[in-house]
Amino acid sequence: MNIILGTADAERLTDKYTVLELDTITIKSSTPIIAYCVIETIPLEDFPKVEIYKKLHTDLMDHYRNKRWEYCEDSIKVLKGFWNGELDTFYESILERVQNLKENAPDESWTGIIAK
């Protein structure tokens, strides 16, 4: 798996690879940049499920930004282990954030963007 920054680079790769959105970040108050991962190798037996798991991953990120914590927890249970396990540490990080956000509800200005 490789990580790339920016939508333009991600769009150039989507015809050849599976590209999944990760986090949106700002670096020193910059314009938000979306980080993506590029999955290069998918086991043959997983091919029939790829589109379903891509949608589930996309939905996870949407629900995360919209503070739907239970959906996030449920979808992470399903997603962990897929993608050759390459995203498992990302899913664990999201799950940890979700659990923290459930305990310490963010205010209305929260967008899910991570400042670096």
C-alpha atoms as a PDB file:
ATOM      1  CA  MET A   1       0.000   0.000   0.000  1.00  0.00           C
ATOM      2  CA  ASN A   2       1.174   3.509  -0.800  1.00  0.00           C
ATOM      3  CA  ILE A   3      -0.101   6.801   0.567  1.00  0.00           C
ATOM      4  CA  ILE A   4      -0.618   9.756  -1.754  1.00  0.00           C
ATOM      5  CA  LEU A   5      -1.797  13.292  -1.087  1.00  0.00           C
ATOM      6  CA  GLY A   6      -4.239  15.181  -3.239  1.00  0.00           C
ATOM      7  CA  THR A   7      -7.261  14.346  -5.308  1.00  0.00           C
ATOM      8  CA  ALA A   8      -5.602  14.937  -8.677  1.00  0.00           C
ATOM      9  CA  ASP A   9      -3.001  12.230  -8.070  1.00  0.00           C
ATOM     10  CA  ALA A  10      -5.652   9.856  -6.731  1.00  0.00           C
ATOM     11  CA  GLU A  11      -7.870  10.329  -9.776  1.00  0.00           C
ATOM     12  CA  ARG A  12      -4.992   9.505 -12.137  1.00  0.00           C
ATOM     13  CA  LEU A  13      -4.529   6.148 -10.435  1.00  0.00           C
ATOM     14  CA  THR A  14      -8.127   4.956 -10.117  1.00  0.00           C
ATOM     15  CA  ASP A  15      -8.188   3.244 -13.510  1.00  0.00           C
ATOM     16  CA  LYS A  16      -5.281   0.990 -12.616  1.00  0.00           C
ATOM     17  CA  TYR A  17      -5.480   0.618  -8.819  1.00  0.00           C
ATOM     18  CA  THR A  18      -7.922   0.581  -5.944  1.00  0.00           C
ATOM     19  CA  VAL A  19      -7.672   4.027  -4.363  1.00  0.00           C
ATOM     20  CA  LEU A  20      -9.350   4.732  -1.024  1.00  0.00           C
ATOM     21  CA  GLU A  21      -9.751   8.008   0.828  1.00  0.00           C
ATOM     22  CA  LEU A  22      -8.138   8.137   4.232  1.00  0.00           C
ATOM     23  CA  ASP A  23      -8.003  11.364   6.227  1.00  0.00           C
ATOM     24  CA  THR A  24      -8.260  15.001   5.344  1.00  0.00           C
ATOM     25  CA  ILE A  25      -5.382  16.943   6.842  1.00  0.00           C
ATOM     26  CA  THR A  26      -4.072  20.460   7.088  1.00  0.00           C
ATOM     27  CA  ILE A  27      -0.384  21.144   7.431  1.00  0.00           C
ATOM     28  CA  LYS A  28       0.442  24.349   9.280  1.00  0.00           C
ATOM     29  CA  SER A  29      -3.009  25.849   8.578  1.00  0.00           C
ATOM     30  CA  SER A  30      -2.826  25.022   4.883  1.00  0.00           C
ATOM     31  CA  THR A  31      -5.751  24.239   2.652  1.00  0.00           C
ATOM     32  CA  PRO A  32      -7.124  20.798   3.573  1.00  0.00           C
ATOM     33  CA  ILE A  33      -5.506  17.956   1.628  1.00  0.00           C
ATOM     34  CA  ILE A  34      -7.044  14.519   1.289  1.00  0.00           C
ATOM     35  CA  ALA A  35      -4.756  11.549   1.887  1.00  0.00           C
ATOM     36  CA  TYR A  36      -5.459   8.386  -0.079  1.00  0.00           C
ATOM     37  CA  CYS A  37      -4.085   4.890  -0.031  1.00  0.00           C
ATOM     38  CA  VAL A  38      -3.342   2.920  -3.154  1.00  0.00           C
ATOM     39  CA  ILE A  39      -3.945  -0.809  -2.885  1.00  0.00           C
ATOM     40  CA  GLU A  40      -1.782  -2.483  -5.497  1.00  0.00           C
ATOM     41  CA  THR A  41      -2.406  -6.156  -4.802  1.00  0.00           C
ATOM     42  CA  ILE A  42      -5.779  -7.750  -4.121  1.00  0.00           C
ATOM     43  CA  PRO A  43      -6.031 -11.524  -3.764  1.00  0.00           C
ATOM     44  CA  LEU A  44      -7.981 -13.142  -6.572  1.00  0.00           C
ATOM     45  CA  GLU A  45     -10.541 -14.594  -4.166  1.00  0.00           C
ATOM     46  CA  ASP A  46     -11.338 -11.061  -2.892  1.00  0.00           C
ATOM     47  CA  PHE A  47     -12.132  -9.625  -6.340  1.00  0.00           C
ATOM     48  CA  PRO A  48     -15.886 -10.361  -6.144  1.00  0.00           C
ATOM     49  CA  LYS A  49     -16.080  -8.333  -2.907  1.00  0.00           C
ATOM     50  CA  VAL A  50     -13.922  -5.335  -3.870  1.00  0.00           C
ATOM     51  CA  GLU A  51     -16.737  -2.986  -4.928  1.00  0.00           C
ATOM     52  CA  ILE A  52     -18.765  -3.807  -1.799  1.00  0.00           C
ATOM     53  CA  TYR A  53     -15.777  -3.141   0.456  1.00  0.00           C
ATOM     54  CA  LYS A  54     -14.857   0.047  -1.415  1.00  0.00           C
ATOM     55  CA  LYS A  55     -18.379   1.345  -0.792  1.00  0.00           C
ATOM     56  CA  LEU A  56     -18.265   0.297   2.858  1.00  0.00           C
ATOM     57  CA  HIS A  57     -14.933   2.117   3.277  1.00  0.00           C
ATOM     58  CA  THR A  58     -16.309   5.243   1.556  1.00  0.00           C
ATOM     59  CA  ASP A  59     -19.418   5.117   3.740  1.00  0.00           C
ATOM     60  CA  LEU A  60     -17.241   4.727   6.836  1.00  0.00           C
ATOM     61  CA  MET A  61     -15.403   7.946   6.047  1.00  0.00           C
ATOM     62  CA  ASP A  62     -18.669   9.780   5.327  1.00  0.00           C
ATOM     63  CA  HIS A  63     -20.254   8.600   8.580  1.00  0.00           C
ATOM     64  CA  TYR A  64     -17.093   9.504  10.492  1.00  0.00           C
ATOM     65  CA  ARG A  65     -17.252  13.097   9.252  1.00  0.00           C
ATOM     66  CA  ASN A  66     -20.961  13.193  10.114  1.00  0.00           C
ATOM     67  CA  LYS A  67     -20.462  11.891  13.674  1.00  0.00           C
ATOM     68  CA  ARG A  68     -22.316   8.611  13.189  1.00  0.00           C
ATOM     69  CA  TRP A  69     -20.116   6.682  15.565  1.00  0.00           C
ATOM     70  CA  GLU A  70     -22.054   3.402  15.761  1.00  0.00           C
ATOM     71  CA  TYR A  71     -21.948   2.976  11.989  1.00  0.00           C
ATOM     72  CA  CYS A  72     -18.189   3.558  12.105  1.00  0.00           C
ATOM     73  CA  GLU A  73     -17.696   0.920  14.779  1.00  0.00           C
ATOM     74  CA  ASP A  74     -19.834  -1.625  12.931  1.00  0.00           C
ATOM     75  CA  SER A  75     -18.208  -1.057   9.548  1.00  0.00           C
ATOM     76  CA  ILE A  76     -14.692  -1.269  10.986  1.00  0.00           C
ATOM     77  CA  LYS A  77     -15.508  -4.730  12.341  1.00  0.00           C
ATOM     78  CA  VAL A  78     -16.295  -5.816   8.786  1.00  0.00           C
ATOM     79  CA  LEU A  79     -13.457  -3.967   7.050  1.00  0.00           C
ATOM     80  CA  LYS A  80     -10.618  -5.136   9.304  1.00  0.00           C
ATOM     81  CA  GLY A  81      -8.738  -7.918   7.602  1.00  0.00           C
ATOM     82  CA  PHE A  82      -9.798  -7.000   4.083  1.00  0.00           C
ATOM     83  CA  TRP A  83      -7.332  -5.264   1.730  1.00  0.00           C
ATOM     84  CA  ASN A  84      -4.723  -7.845   2.774  1.00  0.00           C
ATOM     85  CA  GLY A  85      -4.932  -6.288   6.246  1.00  0.00           C
ATOM     86  CA  GLU A  86      -3.023  -3.277   4.878  1.00  0.00           C
ATOM     87  CA  LEU A  87      -5.548  -0.799   6.286  1.00  0.00           C
ATOM     88  CA  ASP A  88      -5.999  -2.473   9.661  1.00  0.00           C
ATOM     89  CA  THR A  89      -3.827   0.059  11.504  1.00  0.00           C
ATOM     90  CA  PHE A  90      -5.811   2.880   9.872  1.00  0.00           C
ATOM     91  CA  TYR A  91      -9.098   1.248  10.930  1.00  0.00           C
ATOM     92  CA  GLU A  92      -7.763   0.790  14.474  1.00  0.00           C
ATOM     93  CA  SER A  93      -6.822   4.479  14.539  1.00  0.00           C
ATOM     94  CA  ILE A  94     -10.282   5.521  13.358  1.00  0.00           C
ATOM     95  CA  LEU A  95     -11.885   3.220  15.930  1.00  0.00           C
ATOM     96  CA  GLU A  96      -9.760   4.750  18.699  1.00  0.00           C
ATOM     97  CA  ARG A  97     -10.767   8.245  17.563  1.00  0.00           C
ATOM     98  CA  VAL A  98     -14.438   7.252  17.408  1.00  0.00           C
ATOM     99  CA  GLN A  99     -14.364   5.834  20.922  1.00  0.00           C
ATOM    100  CA  ASN A 100     -12.724   9.027  22.183  1.00  0.00           C
ATOM    101  CA  LEU A 101     -15.240  11.204  20.321  1.00  0.00           C
ATOM    102  CA  LYS A 102     -18.130   9.228  21.781  1.00  0.00           C
ATOM    103  CA  GLU A 103     -16.823   9.946  25.273  1.00  0.00           C
ATOM    104  CA  ASN A 104     -15.884  13.558  24.517  1.00  0.00           C
ATOM    105  CA  ALA A 105     -18.451  14.775  22.019  1.00  0.00           C
ATOM    106  CA  PRO A 106     -16.990  17.316  19.594  1.00  0.00           C
ATOM    107  CA  ASP A 107     -18.614  20.704  19.167  1.00  0.00           C
ATOM    108  CA  GLU A 108     -20.521  21.746  16.058  1.00  0.00           C
ATOM    109  CA  SER A 109     -17.396  23.122  14.378  1.00  0.00           C
ATOM    110  CA  TRP A 110     -15.759  19.672  14.256  1.00  0.00           C
ATOM    111  CA  THR A 111     -15.177  18.497  10.692  1.00  0.00           C
ATOM    112  CA  GLY A 112     -12.906  15.503  11.134  1.00  0.00           C
ATOM    113  CA  ILE A 113      -9.996  17.335   9.509  1.00  0.00           C
ATOM    114  CA  ILE A 114      -6.689  16.569  11.214  1.00  0.00           C
ATOM    115  CA  ALA A 115      -4.218  19.398  11.800  1.00  0.00           C
ATOM    116  CA  LYS A 116      -0.565  18.405  11.461  1.00  0.00           C
END
